[in-house]
Amino acid sequence: MAVAETIGLQDFYRAGDRPLPVRALRAVLGFIRAKPLGAFGALILILVVGVGIFSPWIADDPTTVHLSDALTGPSSKYWFGTDHNGRDVFSRIVYGCQITALVGIGTVILVTFLSLIVGLPSGYFGGRYDFFLQRLVDIWLSFPAIFLILTLVAVLQTSSGSGFFGLGRGPEVGPNPVDGFWFWYTFPRTTIVILSLGLVLAGGASRVVRSATIATRANPYVEAGVVIGATNSRIILRHVLPNIMPTMIVLATLQLGTAILAEATISFLGVGITNFPTWGQMLSGRTRDLAERHMYLALFPGLAIFLAVYGFNMLGDALRDVLDPRLRGSR
């Protein structure tokens, strides 16, 4: 038994002495073997962001009209065919990755920030403070999500891309959408959608953060910190926040798919980002009439939305299994 324990300790220390890139590679390979669907979701996320960044070098201008080639099926010239205006569907899907990446990641960052501001102090301090905040969250959640999103997007006018970083208000600061189709110039077009989705999705996320904070707050090491006189800010930053981060990471990946689906929904309804190709927008308008005879018009944008949402949900599910100690080894 002593020899076996000694060998195990030697393997442990040898693993700890390995260079960081080697350990990271082994962790990635282990994740791929244990959670292949989660690895597929991570690949989809990397692919969407990468294609969005390099879209000007991958595809042609998505707004170029070729009327003589209108409603041409998939071919060697137009891989995914053309729409009723003769625009290349492949180019529009590639450039649509910019909107998907910006809205998805931007919404997740905003939701994480807002849910931490509301949920963490609510769960940590409790009492009347928690009661007051949770009644505000109840009001927050009482509005139908799609109605609130449509209202915010319509009021803030997403089509202009002007104002402070595209908010439609304040001084003209930030990149100008007219200057080009690259990632940076697309950002002002997405600001209002990110803000609207973030405000709507943060209410439910704050409840998850509050629950995780309450569970962490009850641990003996937090009580020990209170007994020895540690300040609340120190306990929150050093003990509570690091221990709820796995929950936040899982929540962020799940919200990523929700944000992309919500953006596609409002674009389909015609009130989202209207001055740039998006996957939801490609399914609306004339496509609803033409898809019966030209199925590729709805097939490729719909498939892009499906793969993105499915992949991100699988990534979130896999990260939950890996990061939650109660679920490790359960699947």
C-alpha atoms as a PDB file:
ATOM      1  CA  MET A   1       0.000   0.000   0.000  1.00  0.00           C
ATOM      2  CA  ALA A   2       2.840   2.394   0.906  1.00  0.00           C
ATOM      3  CA  VAL A   3       4.611   1.664  -2.401  1.00  0.00           C
ATOM      4  CA  ALA A   4       1.408   2.291  -4.376  1.00  0.00           C
ATOM      5  CA  GLU A   5       0.815   5.558  -2.540  1.00  0.00           C
ATOM      6  CA  THR A   6       4.408   6.625  -3.236  1.00  0.00           C
ATOM      7  CA  ILE A   7       4.023   5.889  -6.963  1.00  0.00           C
ATOM      8  CA  GLY A   8       0.756   7.834  -7.025  1.00  0.00           C
ATOM      9  CA  LEU A   9       2.409  10.845  -5.378  1.00  0.00           C
ATOM     10  CA  GLN A  10       5.307  10.688  -7.823  1.00  0.00           C
ATOM     11  CA  ASP A  11       2.878  10.717 -10.773  1.00  0.00           C
ATOM     12  CA  PHE A  12       1.065  13.661  -9.204  1.00  0.00           C
ATOM     13  CA  TYR A  13       4.208  15.724  -8.784  1.00  0.00           C
ATOM     14  CA  ARG A  14       5.448  14.814 -12.268  1.00  0.00           C
ATOM     15  CA  ALA A  15       2.121  16.009 -13.690  1.00  0.00           C
ATOM     16  CA  GLY A  16       2.471  19.261 -11.753  1.00  0.00           C
ATOM     17  CA  ASP A  17       5.995  19.793 -13.135  1.00  0.00           C
ATOM     18  CA  ARG A  18       4.847  19.614 -16.743  1.00  0.00           C
ATOM     19  CA  PRO A  19       4.898  22.882 -18.717  1.00  0.00           C
ATOM     20  CA  LEU A  20       1.655  24.822 -18.778  1.00  0.00           C
ATOM     21  CA  PRO A  21       1.023  24.272 -22.542  1.00  0.00           C
ATOM     22  CA  VAL A  22       1.376  20.504 -22.046  1.00  0.00           C
ATOM     23  CA  ARG A  23      -1.051  20.492 -19.136  1.00  0.00           C
ATOM     24  CA  ALA A  24      -3.494  22.645 -21.078  1.00  0.00           C
ATOM     25  CA  LEU A  25      -3.285  20.322 -24.095  1.00  0.00           C
ATOM     26  CA  ARG A  26      -3.863  17.268 -21.916  1.00  0.00           C
ATOM     27  CA  ALA A  27      -6.868  18.969 -20.302  1.00  0.00           C
ATOM     28  CA  VAL A  28      -8.314  19.829 -23.722  1.00  0.00           C
ATOM     29  CA  LEU A  29      -7.801  16.284 -25.020  1.00  0.00           C
ATOM     30  CA  GLY A  30      -9.360  14.876 -21.867  1.00  0.00           C
ATOM     31  CA  PHE A  31     -12.365  17.166 -22.298  1.00  0.00           C
ATOM     32  CA  ILE A  32     -12.756  16.070 -25.940  1.00  0.00           C
ATOM     33  CA  ARG A  33     -12.680  12.378 -24.956  1.00  0.00           C
ATOM     34  CA  ALA A  34     -15.051  12.783 -22.020  1.00  0.00           C
ATOM     35  CA  LYS A  35     -17.467  15.291 -23.589  1.00  0.00           C
ATOM     36  CA  PRO A  36     -17.416  15.032 -27.404  1.00  0.00           C
ATOM     37  CA  LEU A  37     -20.650  17.025 -27.776  1.00  0.00           C
ATOM     38  CA  GLY A  38     -19.239  19.752 -25.546  1.00  0.00           C
ATOM     39  CA  ALA A  39     -16.086  19.809 -27.679  1.00  0.00           C
ATOM     40  CA  PHE A  40     -18.305  20.135 -30.746  1.00  0.00           C
ATOM     41  CA  GLY A  41     -19.982  23.154 -29.128  1.00  0.00           C
ATOM     42  CA  ALA A  42     -16.601  24.739 -28.383  1.00  0.00           C
ATOM     43  CA  LEU A  43     -15.584  24.155 -32.007  1.00  0.00           C
ATOM     44  CA  ILE A  44     -18.782  25.855 -33.210  1.00  0.00           C
ATOM     45  CA  LEU A  45     -18.070  28.848 -30.954  1.00  0.00           C
ATOM     46  CA  ILE A  46     -14.490  29.167 -32.246  1.00  0.00           C
ATOM     47  CA  LEU A  47     -15.702  28.745 -35.825  1.00  0.00           C
ATOM     48  CA  VAL A  48     -18.402  31.430 -35.524  1.00  0.00           C
ATOM     49  CA  VAL A  49     -16.009  33.949 -33.975  1.00  0.00           C
ATOM     50  CA  GLY A  50     -13.207  33.122 -36.421  1.00  0.00           C
ATOM     51  CA  VAL A  51     -15.441  33.340 -39.487  1.00  0.00           C
ATOM     52  CA  GLY A  52     -16.899  36.595 -38.211  1.00  0.00           C
ATOM     53  CA  ILE A  53     -13.467  38.166 -37.747  1.00  0.00           C
ATOM     54  CA  PHE A  54     -12.116  37.041 -41.121  1.00  0.00           C
ATOM     55  CA  SER A  55     -15.390  37.345 -43.062  1.00  0.00           C
ATOM     56  CA  PRO A  56     -14.092  40.095 -45.442  1.00  0.00           C
ATOM     57  CA  TRP A  57     -11.357  37.696 -46.563  1.00  0.00           C
ATOM     58  CA  ILE A  58     -13.613  34.614 -46.724  1.00  0.00           C
ATOM     59  CA  ALA A  59     -16.582  35.901 -48.743  1.00  0.00           C
ATOM     60  CA  ASP A  60     -17.493  38.664 -51.163  1.00  0.00           C
ATOM     61  CA  ASP A  61     -19.588  41.741 -50.391  1.00  0.00           C
ATOM     62  CA  PRO A  62     -22.958  40.412 -49.112  1.00  0.00           C
ATOM     63  CA  THR A  63     -24.857  43.416 -50.481  1.00  0.00           C
ATOM     64  CA  THR A  64     -23.763  43.015 -54.100  1.00  0.00           C
ATOM     65  CA  VAL A  65     -26.797  42.448 -56.336  1.00  0.00           C
ATOM     66  CA  HIS A  66     -26.683  40.141 -59.388  1.00  0.00           C
ATOM     67  CA  LEU A  67     -30.186  40.403 -60.801  1.00  0.00           C
ATOM     68  CA  SER A  68     -29.352  38.128 -63.724  1.00  0.00           C
ATOM     69  CA  ASP A  69     -28.480  35.368 -61.235  1.00  0.00           C
ATOM     70  CA  ALA A  70     -31.499  35.818 -58.951  1.00  0.00           C
ATOM     71  CA  LEU A  71     -32.821  32.615 -57.337  1.00  0.00           C
ATOM     72  CA  THR A  72     -29.937  30.541 -58.662  1.00  0.00           C
ATOM     73  CA  GLY A  73     -29.558  27.252 -56.798  1.00  0.00           C
ATOM     74  CA  PRO A  74     -26.352  26.084 -55.116  1.00  0.00           C
ATOM     75  CA  SER A  75     -23.511  25.779 -57.631  1.00  0.00           C
ATOM     76  CA  SER A  76     -19.750  26.124 -57.919  1.00  0.00           C
ATOM     77  CA  LYS A  77     -20.169  29.893 -58.379  1.00  0.00           C
ATOM     78  CA  TYR A  78     -22.723  30.379 -55.598  1.00  0.00           C
ATOM     79  CA  TRP A  79     -22.162  27.644 -53.023  1.00  0.00           C
ATOM     80  CA  PHE A  80     -25.453  28.260 -51.182  1.00  0.00           C
ATOM     81  CA  GLY A  81     -27.324  29.830 -54.121  1.00  0.00           C
ATOM     82  CA  THR A  82     -28.678  33.374 -54.414  1.00  0.00           C
ATOM     83  CA  ASP A  83     -31.761  35.110 -53.071  1.00  0.00           C
ATOM     84  CA  HIS A  84     -34.490  36.956 -54.995  1.00  0.00           C
ATOM     85  CA  ASN A  85     -32.187  39.979 -55.412  1.00  0.00           C
ATOM     86  CA  GLY A  86     -29.280  37.897 -56.678  1.00  0.00           C
ATOM     87  CA  ARG A  87     -27.258  38.282 -53.476  1.00  0.00           C
ATOM     88  CA  ASP A  88     -24.936  35.420 -52.536  1.00  0.00           C
ATOM     89  CA  VAL A  89     -26.466  33.442 -49.652  1.00  0.00           C
ATOM     90  CA  PHE A  90     -23.057  32.052 -48.608  1.00  0.00           C
ATOM     91  CA  SER A  91     -21.605  35.567 -48.260  1.00  0.00           C
ATOM     92  CA  ARG A  92     -24.588  36.692 -46.224  1.00  0.00           C
ATOM     93  CA  ILE A  93     -24.284  33.722 -43.858  1.00  0.00           C
ATOM     94  CA  VAL A  94     -20.548  34.333 -43.449  1.00  0.00           C
ATOM     95  CA  TYR A  95     -21.056  38.020 -42.637  1.00  0.00           C
ATOM     96  CA  GLY A  96     -23.956  37.081 -40.395  1.00  0.00           C
ATOM     97  CA  CYS A  97     -21.396  35.370 -38.131  1.00  0.00           C
ATOM     98  CA  GLN A  98     -20.308  38.870 -37.107  1.00  0.00           C
ATOM     99  CA  ILE A  99     -23.759  39.639 -35.700  1.00  0.00           C
ATOM    100  CA  THR A 100     -24.019  36.227 -34.063  1.00  0.00           C
ATOM    101  CA  ALA A 101     -20.631  36.525 -32.365  1.00  0.00           C
ATOM    102  CA  LEU A 102     -21.043  40.152 -31.278  1.00  0.00           C
ATOM    103  CA  VAL A 103     -24.603  39.788 -30.005  1.00  0.00           C
ATOM    104  CA  GLY A 104     -23.938  36.447 -28.319  1.00  0.00           C
ATOM    105  CA  ILE A 105     -20.717  37.371 -26.540  1.00  0.00           C
ATOM    106  CA  GLY A 106     -21.782  40.965 -25.815  1.00  0.00           C
ATOM    107  CA  THR A 107     -25.091  39.851 -24.309  1.00  0.00           C
ATOM    108  CA  VAL A 108     -23.379  37.222 -22.164  1.00  0.00           C
ATOM    109  CA  ILE A 109     -20.908  39.788 -20.794  1.00  0.00           C
ATOM    110  CA  LEU A 110     -23.704  42.242 -19.978  1.00  0.00           C
ATOM    111  CA  VAL A 111     -25.913  39.553 -18.421  1.00  0.00           C
ATOM    112  CA  THR A 112     -23.025  38.314 -16.285  1.00  0.00           C
ATOM    113  CA  PHE A 113     -22.234  41.830 -15.078  1.00  0.00           C
ATOM    114  CA  LEU A 114     -25.840  42.739 -14.246  1.00  0.00           C
ATOM    115  CA  SER A 115     -26.652  39.395 -12.616  1.00  0.00           C
ATOM    116  CA  LEU A 116     -23.581  39.679 -10.372  1.00  0.00           C
ATOM    117  CA  ILE A 117     -24.498  43.223  -9.336  1.00  0.00           C
ATOM    118  CA  VAL A 118     -28.028  42.144  -8.385  1.00  0.00           C
ATOM    119  CA  GLY A 119     -27.735  38.502  -7.358  1.00  0.00           C
ATOM    120  CA  LEU A 120     -24.478  38.434  -5.404  1.00  0.00           C
ATOM    121  CA  PRO A 121     -25.240  41.126  -2.781  1.00  0.00           C
ATOM    122  CA  SER A 122     -28.840  39.938  -2.574  1.00  0.00           C
ATOM    123  CA  GLY A 123     -27.779  36.398  -1.679  1.00  0.00           C
ATOM    124  CA  TYR A 124     -24.902  37.455   0.571  1.00  0.00           C
ATOM    125  CA  PHE A 125     -26.560  40.117   2.746  1.00  0.00           C
ATOM    126  CA  GLY A 126     -30.101  38.676   2.803  1.00  0.00           C
ATOM    127  CA  GLY A 127     -32.726  40.191   5.043  1.00  0.00           C
ATOM    128  CA  ARG A 128     -34.617  43.290   3.986  1.00  0.00           C
ATOM    129  CA  TYR A 129     -32.030  44.078   1.310  1.00  0.00           C
ATOM    130  CA  ASP A 130     -32.638  40.698  -0.315  1.00  0.00           C
ATOM    131  CA  PHE A 131     -36.423  41.081   0.033  1.00  0.00           C
ATOM    132  CA  PHE A 132     -36.403  44.516  -1.635  1.00  0.00           C
ATOM    133  CA  LEU A 133     -34.140  43.432  -4.524  1.00  0.00           C
ATOM    134  CA  GLN A 134     -36.104  40.256  -5.177  1.00  0.00           C
ATOM    135  CA  ARG A 135     -39.382  42.166  -5.404  1.00  0.00           C
ATOM    136  CA  LEU A 136     -37.748  44.367  -8.040  1.00  0.00           C
ATOM    137  CA  VAL A 137     -36.608  41.229  -9.845  1.00  0.00           C
ATOM    138  CA  ASP A 138     -40.181  39.894  -9.667  1.00  0.00           C
ATOM    139  CA  ILE A 139     -41.387  43.037 -11.426  1.00  0.00           C
ATOM    140  CA  TRP A 140     -38.482  42.689 -13.868  1.00  0.00           C
ATOM    141  CA  LEU A 141     -39.520  39.130 -14.740  1.00  0.00           C
ATOM    142  CA  SER A 142     -43.243  39.847 -14.886  1.00  0.00           C
ATOM    143  CA  PHE A 143     -42.973  41.452 -18.331  1.00  0.00           C
ATOM    144  CA  PRO A 144     -43.170  38.987 -21.245  1.00  0.00           C
ATOM    145  CA  ALA A 145     -39.604  38.653 -22.540  1.00  0.00           C
ATOM    146  CA  ILE A 146     -40.316  38.944 -26.250  1.00  0.00           C
ATOM    147  CA  PHE A 147     -42.625  41.942 -25.703  1.00  0.00           C
ATOM    148  CA  LEU A 148     -39.982  43.743 -23.629  1.00  0.00           C
ATOM    149  CA  ILE A 149     -37.232  43.004 -26.160  1.00  0.00           C
ATOM    150  CA  LEU A 150     -39.324  44.246 -29.079  1.00  0.00           C
ATOM    151  CA  THR A 151     -40.273  47.393 -27.168  1.00  0.00           C
ATOM    152  CA  LEU A 152     -36.699  48.258 -26.200  1.00  0.00           C
ATOM    153  CA  VAL A 153     -35.342  47.576 -29.672  1.00  0.00           C
ATOM    154  CA  ALA A 154     -38.084  49.609 -31.359  1.00  0.00           C
ATOM    155  CA  VAL A 155     -37.761  52.572 -28.998  1.00  0.00           C
ATOM    156  CA  LEU A 156     -33.966  52.713 -29.227  1.00  0.00           C
ATOM    157  CA  GLN A 157     -33.961  52.496 -33.054  1.00  0.00           C
ATOM    158  CA  THR A 158     -31.421  49.859 -34.052  1.00  0.00           C
ATOM    159  CA  SER A 159     -31.145  50.901 -37.683  1.00  0.00           C
ATOM    160  CA  SER A 160     -29.217  54.142 -37.211  1.00  0.00           C
ATOM    161  CA  GLY A 161     -25.957  52.910 -35.676  1.00  0.00           C
ATOM    162  CA  SER A 162     -25.308  56.516 -34.612  1.00  0.00           C
ATOM    163  CA  GLY A 163     -24.687  58.158 -31.259  1.00  0.00           C
ATOM    164  CA  PHE A 164     -22.418  56.846 -28.523  1.00  0.00           C
ATOM    165  CA  PHE A 165     -21.187  53.471 -29.838  1.00  0.00           C
ATOM    166  CA  GLY A 166     -24.419  52.965 -31.748  1.00  0.00           C
ATOM    167  CA  LEU A 167     -26.822  53.674 -28.878  1.00  0.00           C
ATOM    168  CA  GLY A 168     -28.640  56.298 -30.930  1.00  0.00           C
ATOM    169  CA  ARG A 169     -28.103  58.838 -28.132  1.00  0.00           C
ATOM    170  CA  GLY A 170     -25.306  61.148 -27.081  1.00  0.00           C
ATOM    171  CA  PRO A 171     -22.210  62.334 -28.980  1.00  0.00           C
ATOM    172  CA  GLU A 172     -21.028  60.609 -32.141  1.00  0.00           C
ATOM    173  CA  VAL A 173     -18.351  58.427 -30.552  1.00  0.00           C
ATOM    174  CA  GLY A 174     -17.184  55.052 -31.778  1.00  0.00           C
ATOM    175  CA  PRO A 175     -16.703  53.306 -35.130  1.00  0.00           C
ATOM    176  CA  ASN A 176     -18.864  54.393 -38.046  1.00  0.00           C
ATOM    177  CA  PRO A 177     -20.895  51.508 -39.579  1.00  0.00           C
ATOM    178  CA  VAL A 178     -20.666  53.192 -42.978  1.00  0.00           C
ATOM    179  CA  ASP A 179     -16.887  52.790 -43.120  1.00  0.00           C
ATOM    180  CA  GLY A 180     -16.892  49.058 -43.864  1.00  0.00           C
ATOM    181  CA  PHE A 181     -18.149  45.557 -43.189  1.00  0.00           C
ATOM    182  CA  TRP A 182     -15.438  44.399 -40.781  1.00  0.00           C
ATOM    183  CA  PHE A 183     -16.073  43.288 -37.197  1.00  0.00           C
ATOM    184  CA  TRP A 184     -15.209  46.666 -35.661  1.00  0.00           C
ATOM    185  CA  TYR A 185     -17.548  48.643 -37.899  1.00  0.00           C
ATOM    186  CA  THR A 186     -20.362  46.151 -37.326  1.00  0.00           C
ATOM    187  CA  PHE A 187     -20.263  46.645 -33.556  1.00  0.00           C
ATOM    188  CA  PRO A 188     -22.414  49.859 -33.444  1.00  0.00           C
ATOM    189  CA  ARG A 189     -25.198  48.010 -35.244  1.00  0.00           C
ATOM    190  CA  THR A 190     -25.419  45.478 -32.418  1.00  0.00           C
ATOM    191  CA  THR A 191     -25.149  47.740 -29.346  1.00  0.00           C
ATOM    192  CA  ILE A 192     -28.879  48.320 -28.848  1.00  0.00           C
ATOM    193  CA  VAL A 193     -29.741  44.655 -29.416  1.00  0.00           C
ATOM    194  CA  ILE A 194     -27.078  43.638 -26.875  1.00  0.00           C
ATOM    195  CA  LEU A 195     -28.437  46.152 -24.369  1.00  0.00           C
ATOM    196  CA  SER A 196     -32.041  45.007 -24.865  1.00  0.00           C
ATOM    197  CA  LEU A 197     -31.272  41.287 -24.613  1.00  0.00           C
ATOM    198  CA  GLY A 198     -28.942  41.829 -21.667  1.00  0.00           C
ATOM    199  CA  LEU A 199     -31.555  43.729 -19.657  1.00  0.00           C
ATOM    200  CA  VAL A 200     -34.205  41.080 -20.320  1.00  0.00           C
ATOM    201  CA  LEU A 201     -32.060  37.987 -19.668  1.00  0.00           C
ATOM    202  CA  ALA A 202     -30.279  39.346 -16.584  1.00  0.00           C
ATOM    203  CA  GLY A 203     -33.365  39.013 -14.365  1.00  0.00           C
ATOM    204  CA  GLY A 204     -33.502  35.226 -14.477  1.00  0.00           C
ATOM    205  CA  ALA A 205     -29.696  34.946 -14.341  1.00  0.00           C
ATOM    206  CA  SER A 206     -29.601  37.023 -11.147  1.00  0.00           C
ATOM    207  CA  ARG A 207     -31.780  34.409  -9.436  1.00  0.00           C
ATOM    208  CA  VAL A 208     -29.252  31.707 -10.316  1.00  0.00           C
ATOM    209  CA  VAL A 209     -26.402  33.852  -8.971  1.00  0.00           C
ATOM    210  CA  ARG A 210     -28.375  34.533  -5.785  1.00  0.00           C
ATOM    211  CA  SER A 211     -28.966  30.822  -5.197  1.00  0.00           C
ATOM    212  CA  ALA A 212     -25.281  30.007  -5.747  1.00  0.00           C
ATOM    213  CA  THR A 213     -24.287  32.826  -3.387  1.00  0.00           C
ATOM    214  CA  ILE A 214     -26.635  31.615  -0.638  1.00  0.00           C
ATOM    215  CA  ALA A 215     -25.212  28.088  -0.925  1.00  0.00           C
ATOM    216  CA  THR A 216     -21.644  29.415  -0.746  1.00  0.00           C
ATOM    217  CA  ARG A 217     -22.493  31.818   2.084  1.00  0.00           C
ATOM    218  CA  ALA A 218     -23.499  28.871   4.287  1.00  0.00           C
ATOM    219  CA  ASN A 219     -20.077  27.178   4.074  1.00  0.00           C
ATOM    220  CA  PRO A 220     -17.908  27.066   7.251  1.00  0.00           C
ATOM    221  CA  TYR A 221     -14.988  28.936   5.675  1.00  0.00           C
ATOM    222  CA  VAL A 222     -17.220  31.966   5.031  1.00  0.00           C
ATOM    223  CA  GLU A 223     -18.460  31.859   8.627  1.00  0.00           C
ATOM    224  CA  ALA A 224     -14.834  31.601   9.772  1.00  0.00           C
ATOM    225  CA  GLY A 225     -13.981  34.718   7.798  1.00  0.00           C
ATOM    226  CA  VAL A 226     -16.823  36.596   9.482  1.00  0.00           C
ATOM    227  CA  VAL A 227     -15.677  35.418  12.934  1.00  0.00           C
ATOM    228  CA  ILE A 228     -12.080  36.604  12.465  1.00  0.00           C
ATOM    229  CA  GLY A 229     -13.315  40.018  11.380  1.00  0.00           C
ATOM    230  CA  ALA A 230     -12.796  39.932   7.598  1.00  0.00           C
ATOM    231  CA  THR A 231     -14.701  42.649   5.764  1.00  0.00           C
ATOM    232  CA  ASN A 232     -17.670  41.794   3.586  1.00  0.00           C
ATOM    233  CA  SER A 233     -15.872  42.972   0.461  1.00  0.00           C
ATOM    234  CA  ARG A 234     -12.899  40.709   1.204  1.00  0.00           C
ATOM    235  CA  ILE A 235     -15.133  37.689   1.843  1.00  0.00           C
ATOM    236  CA  ILE A 236     -17.093  38.330  -1.347  1.00  0.00           C
ATOM    237  CA  LEU A 237     -14.025  38.832  -3.554  1.00  0.00           C
ATOM    238  CA  ARG A 238     -11.802  36.137  -2.027  1.00  0.00           C
ATOM    239  CA  HIS A 239     -14.262  33.407  -1.087  1.00  0.00           C
ATOM    240  CA  VAL A 240     -17.768  33.833  -2.514  1.00  0.00           C
ATOM    241  CA  LEU A 241     -17.044  35.101  -6.041  1.00  0.00           C
ATOM    242  CA  PRO A 242     -14.400  32.454  -6.942  1.00  0.00           C
ATOM    243  CA  ASN A 243     -16.695  29.680  -5.742  1.00  0.00           C
ATOM    244  CA  ILE A 244     -19.687  30.796  -7.805  1.00  0.00           C
ATOM    245  CA  MET A 245     -17.622  31.287 -10.966  1.00  0.00           C
ATOM    246  CA  PRO A 246     -18.230  27.698 -12.234  1.00  0.00           C
ATOM    247  CA  THR A 247     -21.956  28.418 -12.047  1.00  0.00           C
ATOM    248  CA  MET A 248     -21.428  31.709 -13.861  1.00  0.00           C
ATOM    249  CA  ILE A 249     -19.415  30.044 -16.644  1.00  0.00           C
ATOM    250  CA  VAL A 250     -22.095  27.431 -17.232  1.00  0.00           C
ATOM    251  CA  LEU A 251     -24.824  30.070 -17.117  1.00  0.00           C
ATOM    252  CA  ALA A 252     -22.906  32.208 -19.628  1.00  0.00           C
ATOM    253  CA  THR A 253     -22.581  29.411 -22.177  1.00  0.00           C
ATOM    254  CA  LEU A 254     -26.278  28.555 -21.870  1.00  0.00           C
ATOM    255  CA  GLN A 255     -27.246  32.220 -22.223  1.00  0.00           C
ATOM    256  CA  LEU A 256     -25.117  32.380 -25.370  1.00  0.00           C
ATOM    257  CA  GLY A 257     -27.499  30.102 -27.243  1.00  0.00           C
ATOM    258  CA  THR A 258     -30.523  31.941 -25.845  1.00  0.00           C
ATOM    259  CA  ALA A 259     -29.157  35.316 -26.970  1.00  0.00           C
ATOM    260  CA  ILE A 260     -28.464  34.084 -30.504  1.00  0.00           C
ATOM    261  CA  LEU A 261     -31.942  32.585 -30.812  1.00  0.00           C
ATOM    262  CA  ALA A 262     -33.530  35.780 -29.471  1.00  0.00           C
ATOM    263  CA  GLU A 263     -31.560  37.923 -31.935  1.00  0.00           C
ATOM    264  CA  ALA A 264     -32.623  35.680 -34.807  1.00  0.00           C
ATOM    265  CA  THR A 265     -36.239  35.973 -33.626  1.00  0.00           C
ATOM    266  CA  ILE A 266     -36.348  39.766 -33.561  1.00  0.00           C
ATOM    267  CA  SER A 267     -34.467  39.958 -36.880  1.00  0.00           C
ATOM    268  CA  PHE A 268     -37.047  37.601 -38.373  1.00  0.00           C
ATOM    269  CA  LEU A 269     -39.786  39.925 -37.105  1.00  0.00           C
ATOM    270  CA  GLY A 270     -38.066  42.863 -38.819  1.00  0.00           C
ATOM    271  CA  VAL A 271     -37.237  44.987 -35.771  1.00  0.00           C
ATOM    272  CA  GLY A 272     -33.704  43.822 -35.076  1.00  0.00           C
ATOM    273  CA  ILE A 273     -30.590  44.652 -37.046  1.00  0.00           C
ATOM    274  CA  THR A 274     -31.997  45.626 -40.424  1.00  0.00           C
ATOM    275  CA  ASN A 275     -29.016  47.268 -42.145  1.00  0.00           C
ATOM    276  CA  PHE A 276     -26.717  44.240 -42.144  1.00  0.00           C
ATOM    277  CA  PRO A 277     -27.208  40.575 -43.141  1.00  0.00           C
ATOM    278  CA  THR A 278     -28.302  38.413 -40.217  1.00  0.00           C
ATOM    279  CA  TRP A 279     -29.421  34.792 -40.132  1.00  0.00           C
ATOM    280  CA  GLY A 280     -32.866  35.628 -38.755  1.00  0.00           C
ATOM    281  CA  GLN A 281     -33.386  38.364 -41.336  1.00  0.00           C
ATOM    282  CA  MET A 282     -32.558  35.903 -44.121  1.00  0.00           C
ATOM    283  CA  LEU A 283     -35.545  33.786 -43.076  1.00  0.00           C
ATOM    284  CA  SER A 284     -38.024  36.656 -43.236  1.00  0.00           C
ATOM    285  CA  GLY A 285     -39.553  38.723 -46.026  1.00  0.00           C
ATOM    286  CA  ARG A 286     -39.724  37.095 -49.430  1.00  0.00           C
ATOM    287  CA  THR A 287     -38.026  33.962 -48.151  1.00  0.00           C
ATOM    288  CA  ARG A 288     -41.261  32.855 -46.476  1.00  0.00           C
ATOM    289  CA  ASP A 289     -42.975  32.853 -49.871  1.00  0.00           C
ATOM    290  CA  LEU A 290     -40.097  31.557 -51.984  1.00  0.00           C
ATOM    291  CA  ALA A 291     -38.789  28.812 -49.665  1.00  0.00           C
ATOM    292  CA  GLU A 292     -41.507  26.404 -50.796  1.00  0.00           C
ATOM    293  CA  ARG A 293     -39.988  26.262 -54.286  1.00  0.00           C
ATOM    294  CA  HIS A 294     -36.432  27.297 -53.389  1.00  0.00           C
ATOM    295  CA  MET A 295     -35.788  25.379 -50.193  1.00  0.00           C
ATOM    296  CA  TYR A 296     -32.121  26.391 -49.928  1.00  0.00           C
ATOM    297  CA  LEU A 297     -33.159  29.976 -49.063  1.00  0.00           C
ATOM    298  CA  ALA A 298     -34.435  28.797 -45.670  1.00  0.00           C
ATOM    299  CA  LEU A 299     -32.312  25.665 -45.288  1.00  0.00           C
ATOM    300  CA  PHE A 300     -28.857  27.230 -44.944  1.00  0.00           C
ATOM    301  CA  PRO A 301     -29.715  30.145 -42.590  1.00  0.00           C
ATOM    302  CA  GLY A 302     -31.898  27.827 -40.505  1.00  0.00           C
ATOM    303  CA  LEU A 303     -29.128  25.255 -40.342  1.00  0.00           C
ATOM    304  CA  ALA A 304     -26.659  27.935 -39.229  1.00  0.00           C
ATOM    305  CA  ILE A 305     -28.974  29.014 -36.385  1.00  0.00           C
ATOM    306  CA  PHE A 306     -29.608  25.401 -35.389  1.00  0.00           C
ATOM    307  CA  LEU A 307     -25.919  24.446 -35.274  1.00  0.00           C
ATOM    308  CA  ALA A 308     -24.949  27.548 -33.308  1.00  0.00           C
ATOM    309  CA  VAL A 309     -27.684  27.215 -30.676  1.00  0.00           C
ATOM    310  CA  TYR A 310     -27.303  23.438 -30.391  1.00  0.00           C
ATOM    311  CA  GLY A 311     -23.521  23.648 -30.131  1.00  0.00           C
ATOM    312  CA  PHE A 312     -23.552  26.336 -27.445  1.00  0.00           C
ATOM    313  CA  ASN A 313     -26.152  24.462 -25.401  1.00  0.00           C
ATOM    314  CA  MET A 314     -24.056  21.290 -25.600  1.00  0.00           C
ATOM    315  CA  LEU A 315     -21.001  23.266 -24.504  1.00  0.00           C
ATOM    316  CA  GLY A 316     -22.885  24.641 -21.514  1.00  0.00           C
ATOM    317  CA  ASP A 317     -24.163  21.192 -20.571  1.00  0.00           C
ATOM    318  CA  ALA A 318     -20.648  19.730 -20.780  1.00  0.00           C
ATOM    319  CA  LEU A 319     -19.121  22.535 -18.724  1.00  0.00           C
ATOM    320  CA  ARG A 320     -21.799  22.008 -16.085  1.00  0.00           C
ATOM    321  CA  ASP A 321     -20.818  18.348 -15.808  1.00  0.00           C
ATOM    322  CA  VAL A 322     -17.112  19.211 -15.611  1.00  0.00           C
ATOM    323  CA  LEU A 323     -17.258  22.202 -13.264  1.00  0.00           C
ATOM    324  CA  ASP A 324     -19.949  20.998 -10.857  1.00  0.00           C
ATOM    325  CA  PRO A 325     -18.303  18.586  -8.350  1.00  0.00           C
ATOM    326  CA  ARG A 326     -21.643  16.868  -7.738  1.00  0.00           C
ATOM    327  CA  LEU A 327     -21.887  15.839 -11.402  1.00  0.00           C
ATOM    328  CA  ARG A 328     -18.303  14.813 -12.137  1.00  0.00           C
ATOM    329  CA  GLY A 329     -18.175  11.265 -13.391  1.00  0.00           C
ATOM    330  CA  SER A 330     -21.952  11.013 -13.588  1.00  0.00           C
ATOM    331  CA  ARG A 331     -21.962  10.696 -17.389  1.00  0.00           C
END
